[in-house]
Amino acid sequence: ALASFPHREQVEVVHRSFELDPGRSKGDIQPVITMLTRKYGMSEAQA
């Protein structure tokens, strides 16, 4: 959308921080499918 906006050169874009899982420790790494099944209670097939 920005690429086709007539005033795109006058638009400043700033990226801000947001953590979806701020309580997770740095060393706690797991497969995405495992995370989804545990966090949302879905089956592996659904994930």
ModelCIF file with pLDDT and N, C-alpha, C, O atoms, coordinates in Angstrom:
data_MODEL
#
_entry.id   MODEL 
#
_entity.id                         1 
_entity.type                       polymer 
_entity.pdbx_number_of_molecules   1 
#
_entity_poly.entity_id                      1 
_entity_poly.type                           'polypeptide(L)' 
_entity_poly.nstd_linkage                   no 
_entity_poly.nstd_monomer                   no 
_entity_poly.pdbx_seq_one_letter_code       ALASFPHREQVEVVHRSFELDPGRSKGDIQPVITMLTRKYGMSEAQA 
_entity_poly.pdbx_seq_one_letter_code_can   ALASFPHREQVEVVHRSFELDPGRSKGDIQPVITMLTRKYGMSEAQA 
_entity_poly.pdbx_strand_id                 A 
#
loop_
_entity_poly_seq.entity_id 
_entity_poly_seq.num 
_entity_poly_seq.mon_id 
_entity_poly_seq.hetero 
1 1  ALA n 
1 2  LEU n 
1 3  ALA n 
1 4  SER n 
1 5  PHE n 
1 6  PRO n 
1 7  HIS n 
1 8  ARG n 
1 9  GLU n 
1 10 GLN n 
1 11 VAL n 
1 12 GLU n 
1 13 VAL n 
1 14 VAL n 
1 15 HIS n 
1 16 ARG n 
1 17 SER n 
1 18 PHE n 
1 19 GLU n 
1 20 LEU n 
1 21 ASP n 
1 22 PRO n 
1 23 GLY n 
1 24 ARG n 
1 25 SER n 
1 26 LYS n 
1 27 GLY n 
1 28 ASP n 
1 29 ILE n 
1 30 GLN n 
1 31 PRO n 
1 32 VAL n 
1 33 ILE n 
1 34 THR n 
1 35 MET n 
1 36 LEU n 
1 37 THR n 
1 38 ARG n 
1 39 LYS n 
1 40 TYR n 
1 41 GLY n 
1 42 MET n 
1 43 SER n 
1 44 GLU n 
1 45 ALA n 
1 46 GLN n 
1 47 ALA n 
#
_struct_asym.id          A 
_struct_asym.entity_id   1 
#
loop_
_ma_qa_metric.id 
_ma_qa_metric.mode 
_ma_qa_metric.name 
_ma_qa_metric.software_group_id 
_ma_qa_metric.type 
1 global pLDDT . pLDDT 
2 local  pLDDT . pLDDT 
#
_ma_qa_metric_global.metric_id      1 
_ma_qa_metric_global.metric_value   96.23 
_ma_qa_metric_global.model_id       1 
_ma_qa_metric_global.ordinal_id     1 
#
loop_
_ma_qa_metric_local.label_asym_id 
_ma_qa_metric_local.label_comp_id 
_ma_qa_metric_local.label_seq_id 
_ma_qa_metric_local.metric_id 
_ma_qa_metric_local.metric_value 
_ma_qa_metric_local.model_id 
_ma_qa_metric_local.ordinal_id 
A ALA 1  2 98.00 1 1  
A LEU 2  2 98.00 1 2  
A ALA 3  2 98.00 1 3  
A SER 4  2 97.00 1 4  
A PHE 5  2 98.00 1 5  
A PRO 6  2 97.00 1 6  
A HIS 7  2 97.00 1 7  
A ARG 8  2 97.00 1 8  
A GLU 9  2 97.00 1 9  
A GLN 10 2 97.00 1 10 
A VAL 11 2 98.00 1 11 
A GLU 12 2 97.00 1 12 
A VAL 13 2 97.00 1 13 
A VAL 14 2 97.00 1 14 
A HIS 15 2 98.00 1 15 
A ARG 16 2 98.00 1 16 
A SER 17 2 98.00 1 17 
A PHE 18 2 98.00 1 18 
A GLU 19 2 98.00 1 19 
A LEU 20 2 96.00 1 20 
A ASP 21 2 94.00 1 21 
A PRO 22 2 94.00 1 22 
A GLY 23 2 92.00 1 23 
A ARG 24 2 94.00 1 24 
A SER 25 2 94.00 1 25 
A LYS 26 2 93.00 1 26 
A GLY 27 2 91.00 1 27 
A ASP 28 2 96.00 1 28 
A ILE 29 2 97.00 1 29 
A GLN 30 2 97.00 1 30 
A PRO 31 2 97.00 1 31 
A VAL 32 2 97.00 1 32 
A ILE 33 2 97.00 1 33 
A THR 34 2 97.00 1 34 
A MET 35 2 96.00 1 35 
A LEU 36 2 96.00 1 36 
A THR 37 2 97.00 1 37 
A ARG 38 2 95.00 1 38 
A LYS 39 2 92.00 1 39 
A TYR 40 2 93.00 1 40 
A GLY 41 2 95.00 1 41 
A MET 42 2 95.00 1 42 
A SER 43 2 97.00 1 43 
A GLU 44 2 97.00 1 44 
A ALA 45 2 97.00 1 45 
A GLN 46 2 97.00 1 46 
A ALA 47 2 97.00 1 47 
#
loop_
_atom_site.group_PDB 
_atom_site.id 
_atom_site.type_symbol 
_atom_site.label_atom_id 
_atom_site.label_alt_id 
_atom_site.label_comp_id 
_atom_site.label_asym_id 
_atom_site.label_entity_id 
_atom_site.label_seq_id 
_atom_site.pdbx_PDB_ins_code 
_atom_site.Cartn_x 
_atom_site.Cartn_y 
_atom_site.Cartn_z 
_atom_site.occupancy 
_atom_site.B_iso_or_equiv 
_atom_site.pdbx_formal_charge 
_atom_site.auth_seq_id 
_atom_site.auth_comp_id 
_atom_site.auth_asym_id 
_atom_site.auth_atom_id 
_atom_site.pdbx_PDB_model_num 
ATOM 1   N N  . ALA A 1 1  ? 0.830  -1.204  0.000  1.00 98.00 ? 1  ALA A N  1 
ATOM 2   C CA . ALA A 1 1  ? 0.000  0.000   0.000  1.00 98.00 ? 1  ALA A CA 1 
ATOM 3   C C  . ALA A 1 1  ? 0.867  1.258   0.000  1.00 98.00 ? 1  ALA A C  1 
ATOM 4   O O  . ALA A 1 1  ? 0.568  2.221   -0.707 1.00 98.00 ? 1  ALA A O  1 
ATOM 5   N N  . LEU A 1 2  ? 1.926  1.249   0.783  1.00 98.00 ? 2  LEU A N  1 
ATOM 6   C CA . LEU A 1 2  ? 2.789  2.427   0.871  1.00 98.00 ? 2  LEU A CA 1 
ATOM 7   C C  . LEU A 1 2  ? 3.485  2.708   -0.457 1.00 98.00 ? 2  LEU A C  1 
ATOM 8   O O  . LEU A 1 2  ? 3.682  3.867   -0.823 1.00 98.00 ? 2  LEU A O  1 
ATOM 9   N N  . ALA A 1 3  ? 3.856  1.657   -1.175 1.00 98.00 ? 3  ALA A N  1 
ATOM 10  C CA . ALA A 1 3  ? 4.561  1.826   -2.449 1.00 98.00 ? 3  ALA A CA 1 
ATOM 11  C C  . ALA A 1 3  ? 3.726  2.589   -3.471 1.00 98.00 ? 3  ALA A C  1 
ATOM 12  O O  . ALA A 1 3  ? 4.276  3.289   -4.321 1.00 98.00 ? 3  ALA A O  1 
ATOM 13  N N  . SER A 1 4  ? 2.418  2.461   -3.398 1.00 97.00 ? 4  SER A N  1 
ATOM 14  C CA . SER A 1 4  ? 1.547  3.148   -4.355 1.00 97.00 ? 4  SER A CA 1 
ATOM 15  C C  . SER A 1 4  ? 0.937  4.424   -3.782 1.00 97.00 ? 4  SER A C  1 
ATOM 16  O O  . SER A 1 4  ? 0.133  5.077   -4.447 1.00 97.00 ? 4  SER A O  1 
ATOM 17  N N  . PHE A 1 5  ? 1.310  4.782   -2.560 1.00 98.00 ? 5  PHE A N  1 
ATOM 18  C CA . PHE A 1 5  ? 0.766  5.984   -1.922 1.00 98.00 ? 5  PHE A CA 1 
ATOM 19  C C  . PHE A 1 5  ? 1.468  7.213   -2.496 1.00 98.00 ? 5  PHE A C  1 
ATOM 20  O O  . PHE A 1 5  ? 2.698  7.260   -2.492 1.00 98.00 ? 5  PHE A O  1 
ATOM 21  N N  . PRO A 1 6  ? 0.739  8.199   -2.982 1.00 97.00 ? 6  PRO A N  1 
ATOM 22  C CA . PRO A 1 6  ? 1.360  9.355   -3.648 1.00 97.00 ? 6  PRO A CA 1 
ATOM 23  C C  . PRO A 1 6  ? 2.353  10.121  -2.780 1.00 97.00 ? 6  PRO A C  1 
ATOM 24  O O  . PRO A 1 6  ? 3.278  10.744  -3.301 1.00 97.00 ? 6  PRO A O  1 
ATOM 25  N N  . HIS A 1 7  ? 2.168  10.080  -1.454 1.00 97.00 ? 7  HIS A N  1 
ATOM 26  C CA . HIS A 1 7  ? 3.028  10.847  -0.554 1.00 97.00 ? 7  HIS A CA 1 
ATOM 27  C C  . HIS A 1 7  ? 3.996  9.947   0.218  1.00 97.00 ? 7  HIS A C  1 
ATOM 28  O O  . HIS A 1 7  ? 4.426  10.288  1.320  1.00 97.00 ? 7  HIS A O  1 
ATOM 29  N N  . ARG A 1 8  ? 4.331  8.809   -0.362 1.00 97.00 ? 8  ARG A N  1 
ATOM 30  C CA . ARG A 1 8  ? 5.135  7.818   0.357  1.00 97.00 ? 8  ARG A CA 1 
ATOM 31  C C  . ARG A 1 8  ? 6.487  8.366   0.827  1.00 97.00 ? 8  ARG A C  1 
ATOM 32  O O  . ARG A 1 8  ? 7.001  7.943   1.862  1.00 97.00 ? 8  ARG A O  1 
ATOM 33  N N  . GLU A 1 9  ? 7.061  9.303   0.073  1.00 97.00 ? 9  GLU A N  1 
ATOM 34  C CA . GLU A 1 9  ? 8.360  9.849   0.465  1.00 97.00 ? 9  GLU A CA 1 
ATOM 35  C C  . GLU A 1 9  ? 8.262  10.698  1.716  1.00 97.00 ? 9  GLU A C  1 
ATOM 36  O O  . GLU A 1 9  ? 9.280  11.000  2.339  1.00 97.00 ? 9  GLU A O  1 
ATOM 37  N N  . GLN A 1 10 ? 7.062  11.085  2.091  1.00 97.00 ? 10 GLN A N  1 
ATOM 38  C CA . GLN A 1 10 ? 6.871  11.918  3.273  1.00 97.00 ? 10 GLN A CA 1 
ATOM 39  C C  . GLN A 1 10 ? 6.305  11.116  4.447  1.00 97.00 ? 10 GLN A C  1 
ATOM 40  O O  . GLN A 1 10 ? 5.829  11.688  5.428  1.00 97.00 ? 10 GLN A O  1 
ATOM 41  N N  . VAL A 1 11 ? 6.361  9.808   4.336  1.00 98.00 ? 11 VAL A N  1 
ATOM 42  C CA . VAL A 1 11 ? 5.883  8.935   5.410  1.00 98.00 ? 11 VAL A CA 1 
ATOM 43  C C  . VAL A 1 11 ? 7.081  8.309   6.119  1.00 98.00 ? 11 VAL A C  1 
ATOM 44  O O  . VAL A 1 11 ? 7.892  7.626   5.494  1.00 98.00 ? 11 VAL A O  1 
ATOM 45  N N  . GLU A 1 12 ? 7.187  8.543   7.406  1.00 97.00 ? 12 GLU A N  1 
ATOM 46  C CA . GLU A 1 12 ? 8.233  7.920   8.227  1.00 97.00 ? 12 GLU A CA 1 
ATOM 47  C C  . GLU A 1 12 ? 7.644  6.676   8.883  1.00 97.00 ? 12 GLU A C  1 
ATOM 48  O O  . GLU A 1 12 ? 6.590  6.742   9.516  1.00 97.00 ? 12 GLU A O  1 
ATOM 49  N N  . VAL A 1 13 ? 8.319  5.551   8.731  1.00 97.00 ? 13 VAL A N  1 
ATOM 50  C CA . VAL A 1 13 ? 7.865  4.302   9.330  1.00 97.00 ? 13 VAL A CA 1 
ATOM 51  C C  . VAL A 1 13 ? 8.799  3.935   10.478 1.00 97.00 ? 13 VAL A C  1 
ATOM 52  O O  . VAL A 1 13 ? 10.015 3.854   10.300 1.00 97.00 ? 13 VAL A O  1 
ATOM 53  N N  . VAL A 1 14 ? 8.225  3.714   11.646 1.00 97.00 ? 14 VAL A N  1 
ATOM 54  C CA . VAL A 1 14 ? 8.996  3.343   12.835 1.00 97.00 ? 14 VAL A CA 1 
ATOM 55  C C  . VAL A 1 14 ? 8.451  2.017   13.359 1.00 97.00 ? 14 VAL A C  1 
ATOM 56  O O  . VAL A 1 14 ? 7.243  1.860   13.538 1.00 97.00 ? 14 VAL A O  1 
ATOM 57  N N  . HIS A 1 15 ? 9.341  1.080   13.601 1.00 98.00 ? 15 HIS A N  1 
ATOM 58  C CA . HIS A 1 15 ? 8.931  -0.225  14.127 1.00 98.00 ? 15 HIS A CA 1 
ATOM 59  C C  . HIS A 1 15 ? 9.110  -0.262  15.641 1.00 98.00 ? 15 HIS A C  1 
ATOM 60  O O  . HIS A 1 15 ? 10.169 0.079   16.168 1.00 98.00 ? 15 HIS A O  1 
ATOM 61  N N  . ARG A 1 16 ? 8.052  -0.685  16.326 1.00 98.00 ? 16 ARG A N  1 
ATOM 62  C CA . ARG A 1 16 ? 8.025  -0.733  17.781 1.00 98.00 ? 16 ARG A CA 1 
ATOM 63  C C  . ARG A 1 16 ? 8.015  -2.186  18.276 1.00 98.00 ? 16 ARG A C  1 
ATOM 64  O O  . ARG A 1 16 ? 7.631  -3.106  17.554 1.00 98.00 ? 16 ARG A O  1 
ATOM 65  N N  . SER A 1 17 ? 8.442  -2.355  19.504 1.00 98.00 ? 17 SER A N  1 
ATOM 66  C CA . SER A 1 17 ? 8.579  -3.702  20.080 1.00 98.00 ? 17 SER A CA 1 
ATOM 67  C C  . SER A 1 17 ? 7.298  -4.187  20.752 1.00 98.00 ? 17 SER A C  1 
ATOM 68  O O  . SER A 1 17 ? 6.583  -3.426  21.404 1.00 98.00 ? 17 SER A O  1 
ATOM 69  N N  . PHE A 1 18 ? 7.035  -5.482  20.569 1.00 98.00 ? 18 PHE A N  1 
ATOM 70  C CA . PHE A 1 18 ? 5.921  -6.167  21.224 1.00 98.00 ? 18 PHE A CA 1 
ATOM 71  C C  . PHE A 1 18 ? 6.297  -7.635  21.310 1.00 98.00 ? 18 PHE A C  1 
ATOM 72  O O  . PHE A 1 18 ? 6.576  -8.262  20.289 1.00 98.00 ? 18 PHE A O  1 
ATOM 73  N N  . GLU A 1 19 ? 6.309  -8.190  22.510 1.00 98.00 ? 19 GLU A N  1 
ATOM 74  C CA . GLU A 1 19 ? 6.633  -9.613  22.678 1.00 98.00 ? 19 GLU A CA 1 
ATOM 75  C C  . GLU A 1 19 ? 5.346  -10.420 22.854 1.00 98.00 ? 19 GLU A C  1 
ATOM 76  O O  . GLU A 1 19 ? 4.537  -10.126 23.735 1.00 98.00 ? 19 GLU A O  1 
ATOM 77  N N  . LEU A 1 20 ? 5.167  -11.417 22.028 1.00 96.00 ? 20 LEU A N  1 
ATOM 78  C CA . LEU A 1 20 ? 4.012  -12.292 22.171 1.00 96.00 ? 20 LEU A CA 1 
ATOM 79  C C  . LEU A 1 20 ? 4.165  -13.246 23.348 1.00 96.00 ? 20 LEU A C  1 
ATOM 80  O O  . LEU A 1 20 ? 3.174  -13.721 23.901 1.00 96.00 ? 20 LEU A O  1 
ATOM 81  N N  . ASP A 1 21 ? 5.395  -13.522 23.725 1.00 94.00 ? 21 ASP A N  1 
ATOM 82  C CA . ASP A 1 21 ? 5.657  -14.502 24.784 1.00 94.00 ? 21 ASP A CA 1 
ATOM 83  C C  . ASP A 1 21 ? 6.727  -13.956 25.727 1.00 94.00 ? 21 ASP A C  1 
ATOM 84  O O  . ASP A 1 21 ? 7.804  -14.542 25.843 1.00 94.00 ? 21 ASP A O  1 
ATOM 85  N N  . PRO A 1 22 ? 6.440  -12.825 26.413 1.00 94.00 ? 22 PRO A N  1 
ATOM 86  C CA . PRO A 1 22 ? 7.479  -12.159 27.206 1.00 94.00 ? 22 PRO A CA 1 
ATOM 87  C C  . PRO A 1 22 ? 7.958  -12.955 28.413 1.00 94.00 ? 22 PRO A C  1 
ATOM 88  O O  . PRO A 1 22 ? 9.056  -12.715 28.916 1.00 94.00 ? 22 PRO A O  1 
ATOM 89  N N  . GLY A 1 23 ? 7.151  -13.895 28.879 1.00 92.00 ? 23 GLY A N  1 
ATOM 90  C CA . GLY A 1 23 ? 7.558  -14.670 30.040 1.00 92.00 ? 23 GLY A CA 1 
ATOM 91  C C  . GLY A 1 23 ? 8.457  -15.847 29.724 1.00 92.00 ? 23 GLY A C  1 
ATOM 92  O O  . GLY A 1 23 ? 8.929  -16.521 30.639 1.00 92.00 ? 23 GLY A O  1 
ATOM 93  N N  . ARG A 1 24 ? 8.705  -16.111 28.462 1.00 94.00 ? 24 ARG A N  1 
ATOM 94  C CA . ARG A 1 24 ? 9.528  -17.251 28.067 1.00 94.00 ? 24 ARG A CA 1 
ATOM 95  C C  . ARG A 1 24 ? 11.003 -16.933 28.289 1.00 94.00 ? 24 ARG A C  1 
ATOM 96  O O  . ARG A 1 24 ? 11.480 -15.869 27.895 1.00 94.00 ? 24 ARG A O  1 
ATOM 97  N N  . SER A 1 25 ? 11.714 -17.848 28.915 1.00 94.00 ? 25 SER A N  1 
ATOM 98  C CA . SER A 1 25 ? 13.138 -17.640 29.150 1.00 94.00 ? 25 SER A CA 1 
ATOM 99  C C  . SER A 1 25 ? 13.915 -17.796 27.848 1.00 94.00 ? 25 SER A C  1 
ATOM 100 O O  . SER A 1 25 ? 13.444 -18.422 26.899 1.00 94.00 ? 25 SER A O  1 
ATOM 101 N N  . LYS A 1 26 ? 15.104 -17.220 27.821 1.00 93.00 ? 26 LYS A N  1 
ATOM 102 C CA . LYS A 1 26 ? 15.893 -17.229 26.590 1.00 93.00 ? 26 LYS A CA 1 
ATOM 103 C C  . LYS A 1 26 ? 16.212 -18.640 26.116 1.00 93.00 ? 26 LYS A C  1 
ATOM 104 O O  . LYS A 1 26 ? 16.250 -18.888 24.911 1.00 93.00 ? 26 LYS A O  1 
ATOM 105 N N  . GLY A 1 27 ? 16.436 -19.549 27.021 1.00 91.00 ? 27 GLY A N  1 
ATOM 106 C CA . GLY A 1 27 ? 16.807 -20.907 26.625 1.00 91.00 ? 27 GLY A CA 1 
ATOM 107 C C  . GLY A 1 27 ? 15.641 -21.832 26.358 1.00 91.00 ? 27 GLY A C  1 
ATOM 108 O O  . GLY A 1 27 ? 15.835 -22.996 26.009 1.00 91.00 ? 27 GLY A O  1 
ATOM 109 N N  . ASP A 1 28 ? 14.422 -21.322 26.519 1.00 96.00 ? 28 ASP A N  1 
ATOM 110 C CA . ASP A 1 28 ? 13.234 -22.152 26.322 1.00 96.00 ? 28 ASP A CA 1 
ATOM 111 C C  . ASP A 1 28 ? 12.819 -22.087 24.852 1.00 96.00 ? 28 ASP A C  1 
ATOM 112 O O  . ASP A 1 28 ? 12.091 -21.187 24.434 1.00 96.00 ? 28 ASP A O  1 
ATOM 113 N N  . ILE A 1 29 ? 13.295 -23.052 24.090 1.00 97.00 ? 29 ILE A N  1 
ATOM 114 C CA . ILE A 1 29 ? 13.030 -23.104 22.648 1.00 97.00 ? 29 ILE A CA 1 
ATOM 115 C C  . ILE A 1 29 ? 12.302 -24.409 22.335 1.00 97.00 ? 29 ILE A C  1 
ATOM 116 O O  . ILE A 1 29 ? 12.691 -25.470 22.822 1.00 97.00 ? 29 ILE A O  1 
ATOM 117 N N  . GLN A 1 30 ? 11.255 -24.334 21.530 1.00 97.00 ? 30 GLN A N  1 
ATOM 118 C CA . GLN A 1 30 ? 10.519 -25.540 21.180 1.00 97.00 ? 30 GLN A CA 1 
ATOM 119 C C  . GLN A 1 30 ? 9.951  -25.412 19.778 1.00 97.00 ? 30 GLN A C  1 
ATOM 120 O O  . GLN A 1 30 ? 9.847  -24.307 19.245 1.00 97.00 ? 30 GLN A O  1 
ATOM 121 N N  . PRO A 1 31 ? 9.584  -26.537 19.180 1.00 97.00 ? 31 PRO A N  1 
ATOM 122 C CA . PRO A 1 31 ? 8.980  -26.477 17.847 1.00 97.00 ? 31 PRO A CA 1 
ATOM 123 C C  . PRO A 1 31 ? 7.703  -25.650 17.865 1.00 97.00 ? 31 PRO A C  1 
ATOM 124 O O  . PRO A 1 31 ? 6.969  -25.646 18.853 1.00 97.00 ? 31 PRO A O  1 
ATOM 125 N N  . VAL A 1 32 ? 7.445  -24.954 16.768 1.00 97.00 ? 32 VAL A N  1 
ATOM 126 C CA . VAL A 1 32 ? 6.242  -24.131 16.674 1.00 97.00 ? 32 VAL A CA 1 
ATOM 127 C C  . VAL A 1 32 ? 4.987  -24.967 16.892 1.00 97.00 ? 32 VAL A C  1 
ATOM 128 O O  . VAL A 1 32 ? 4.069  -24.540 17.591 1.00 97.00 ? 32 VAL A O  1 
ATOM 129 N N  . ILE A 1 33 ? 4.945  -26.147 16.301 1.00 97.00 ? 33 ILE A N  1 
ATOM 130 C CA . ILE A 1 33 ? 3.750  -26.999 16.437 1.00 97.00 ? 33 ILE A CA 1 
ATOM 131 C C  . ILE A 1 33 ? 3.515  -27.359 17.896 1.00 97.00 ? 33 ILE A C  1 
ATOM 132 O O  . ILE A 1 33 ? 2.376  -27.351 18.363 1.00 97.00 ? 33 ILE A O  1 
ATOM 133 N N  . THR A 1 34 ? 4.583  -27.674 18.617 1.00 97.00 ? 34 THR A N  1 
ATOM 134 C CA . THR A 1 34 ? 4.456  -27.991 20.038 1.00 97.00 ? 34 THR A CA 1 
ATOM 135 C C  . THR A 1 34 ? 3.946  -26.785 20.818 1.00 97.00 ? 34 THR A C  1 
ATOM 136 O O  . THR A 1 34 ? 3.064  -26.920 21.666 1.00 97.00 ? 34 THR A O  1 
ATOM 137 N N  . MET A 1 35 ? 4.492  -25.618 20.537 1.00 96.00 ? 35 MET A N  1 
ATOM 138 C CA . MET A 1 35 ? 4.057  -24.387 21.200 1.00 96.00 ? 35 MET A CA 1 
ATOM 139 C C  . MET A 1 35 ? 2.571  -24.141 20.968 1.00 96.00 ? 35 MET A C  1 
ATOM 140 O O  . MET A 1 35 ? 1.841  -23.804 21.900 1.00 96.00 ? 35 MET A O  1 
ATOM 141 N N  . LEU A 1 36 ? 2.125  -24.310 19.725 1.00 96.00 ? 36 LEU A N  1 
ATOM 142 C CA . LEU A 1 36 ? 0.734  -24.049 19.389 1.00 96.00 ? 36 LEU A CA 1 
ATOM 143 C C  . LEU A 1 36 ? -0.215 -25.009 20.105 1.00 96.00 ? 36 LEU A C  1 
ATOM 144 O O  . LEU A 1 36 ? -1.262 -24.596 20.605 1.00 96.00 ? 36 LEU A O  1 
ATOM 145 N N  . THR A 1 37 ? 0.151  -26.284 20.153 1.00 97.00 ? 37 THR A N  1 
ATOM 146 C CA . THR A 1 37 ? -0.729 -27.270 20.799 1.00 97.00 ? 37 THR A CA 1 
ATOM 147 C C  . THR A 1 37 ? -0.828 -27.006 22.302 1.00 97.00 ? 37 THR A C  1 
ATOM 148 O O  . THR A 1 37 ? -1.897 -27.168 22.892 1.00 97.00 ? 37 THR A O  1 
ATOM 149 N N  . ARG A 1 38 ? 0.272  -26.604 22.916 1.00 95.00 ? 38 ARG A N  1 
ATOM 150 C CA . ARG A 1 38 ? 0.263  -26.368 24.356 1.00 95.00 ? 38 ARG A CA 1 
ATOM 151 C C  . ARG A 1 38 ? -0.392 -25.040 24.724 1.00 95.00 ? 38 ARG A C  1 
ATOM 152 O O  . ARG A 1 38 ? -1.120 -24.955 25.713 1.00 95.00 ? 38 ARG A O  1 
ATOM 153 N N  . LYS A 1 39 ? -0.136 -24.013 23.933 1.00 92.00 ? 39 LYS A N  1 
ATOM 154 C CA . LYS A 1 39 ? -0.646 -22.683 24.264 1.00 92.00 ? 39 LYS A CA 1 
ATOM 155 C C  . LYS A 1 39 ? -2.122 -22.530 23.950 1.00 92.00 ? 39 LYS A C  1 
ATOM 156 O O  . LYS A 1 39 ? -2.849 -21.863 24.685 1.00 92.00 ? 39 LYS A O  1 
ATOM 157 N N  . TYR A 1 40 ? -2.575 -23.152 22.848 1.00 93.00 ? 40 TYR A N  1 
ATOM 158 C CA . TYR A 1 40 ? -3.958 -22.949 22.414 1.00 93.00 ? 40 TYR A CA 1 
ATOM 159 C C  . TYR A 1 40 ? -4.835 -24.197 22.538 1.00 93.00 ? 40 TYR A C  1 
ATOM 160 O O  . TYR A 1 40 ? -6.025 -24.157 22.228 1.00 93.00 ? 40 TYR A O  1 
ATOM 161 N N  . GLY A 1 41 ? -4.247 -25.293 22.987 1.00 95.00 ? 41 GLY A N  1 
ATOM 162 C CA . GLY A 1 41 ? -5.035 -26.495 23.207 1.00 95.00 ? 41 GLY A CA 1 
ATOM 163 C C  . GLY A 1 41 ? -5.539 -27.154 21.939 1.00 95.00 ? 41 GLY A C  1 
ATOM 164 O O  . GLY A 1 41 ? -6.528 -27.887 21.970 1.00 95.00 ? 41 GLY A O  1 
ATOM 165 N N  . MET A 1 42 ? -4.876 -26.905 20.832 1.00 95.00 ? 42 MET A N  1 
ATOM 166 C CA . MET A 1 42 ? -5.299 -27.514 19.571 1.00 95.00 ? 42 MET A CA 1 
ATOM 167 C C  . MET A 1 42 ? -4.537 -28.806 19.327 1.00 95.00 ? 42 MET A C  1 
ATOM 168 O O  . MET A 1 42 ? -3.523 -29.076 19.971 1.00 95.00 ? 42 MET A O  1 
ATOM 169 N N  . SER A 1 43 ? -5.031 -29.592 18.398 1.00 97.00 ? 43 SER A N  1 
ATOM 170 C CA . SER A 1 43 ? -4.332 -30.829 18.050 1.00 97.00 ? 43 SER A CA 1 
ATOM 171 C C  . SER A 1 43 ? -3.161 -30.502 17.128 1.00 97.00 ? 43 SER A C  1 
ATOM 172 O O  . SER A 1 43 ? -3.072 -29.402 16.583 1.00 97.00 ? 43 SER A O  1 
ATOM 173 N N  . GLU A 1 44 ? -2.265 -31.474 16.961 1.00 97.00 ? 44 GLU A N  1 
ATOM 174 C CA . GLU A 1 44 ? -1.142 -31.260 16.050 1.00 97.00 ? 44 GLU A CA 1 
ATOM 175 C C  . GLU A 1 44 ? -1.633 -31.049 14.621 1.00 97.00 ? 44 GLU A C  1 
ATOM 176 O O  . GLU A 1 44 ? -1.068 -30.254 13.870 1.00 97.00 ? 44 GLU A O  1 
ATOM 177 N N  . ALA A 1 45 ? -2.683 -31.764 14.259 1.00 97.00 ? 45 ALA A N  1 
ATOM 178 C CA . ALA A 1 45 ? -3.231 -31.613 12.908 1.00 97.00 ? 45 ALA A CA 1 
ATOM 179 C C  . ALA A 1 45 ? -3.780 -30.208 12.703 1.00 97.00 ? 45 ALA A C  1 
ATOM 180 O O  . ALA A 1 45 ? -3.592 -29.609 11.644 1.00 97.00 ? 45 ALA A O  1 
ATOM 181 N N  . GLN A 1 46 ? -4.457 -29.685 13.719 1.00 97.00 ? 46 GLN A N  1 
ATOM 182 C CA . GLN A 1 46 ? -4.984 -28.327 13.618 1.00 97.00 ? 46 GLN A CA 1 
ATOM 183 C C  . GLN A 1 46 ? -3.848 -27.302 13.544 1.00 97.00 ? 46 GLN A C  1 
ATOM 184 O O  . GLN A 1 46 ? -3.901 -26.347 12.769 1.00 97.00 ? 46 GLN A O  1 
ATOM 185 N N  . ALA A 1 47 ? -2.833 -27.522 14.359 1.00 97.00 ? 47 ALA A N  1 
ATOM 186 C CA . ALA A 1 47 ? -1.696 -26.603 14.356 1.00 97.00 ? 47 ALA A CA 1 
ATOM 187 C C  . ALA A 1 47 ? -0.992 -26.612 13.007 1.00 97.00 ? 47 ALA A C  1 
ATOM 188 O O  . ALA A 1 47 ? -0.008 -25.896 12.820 1.00 97.00 ? 47 ALA A O  1 
#
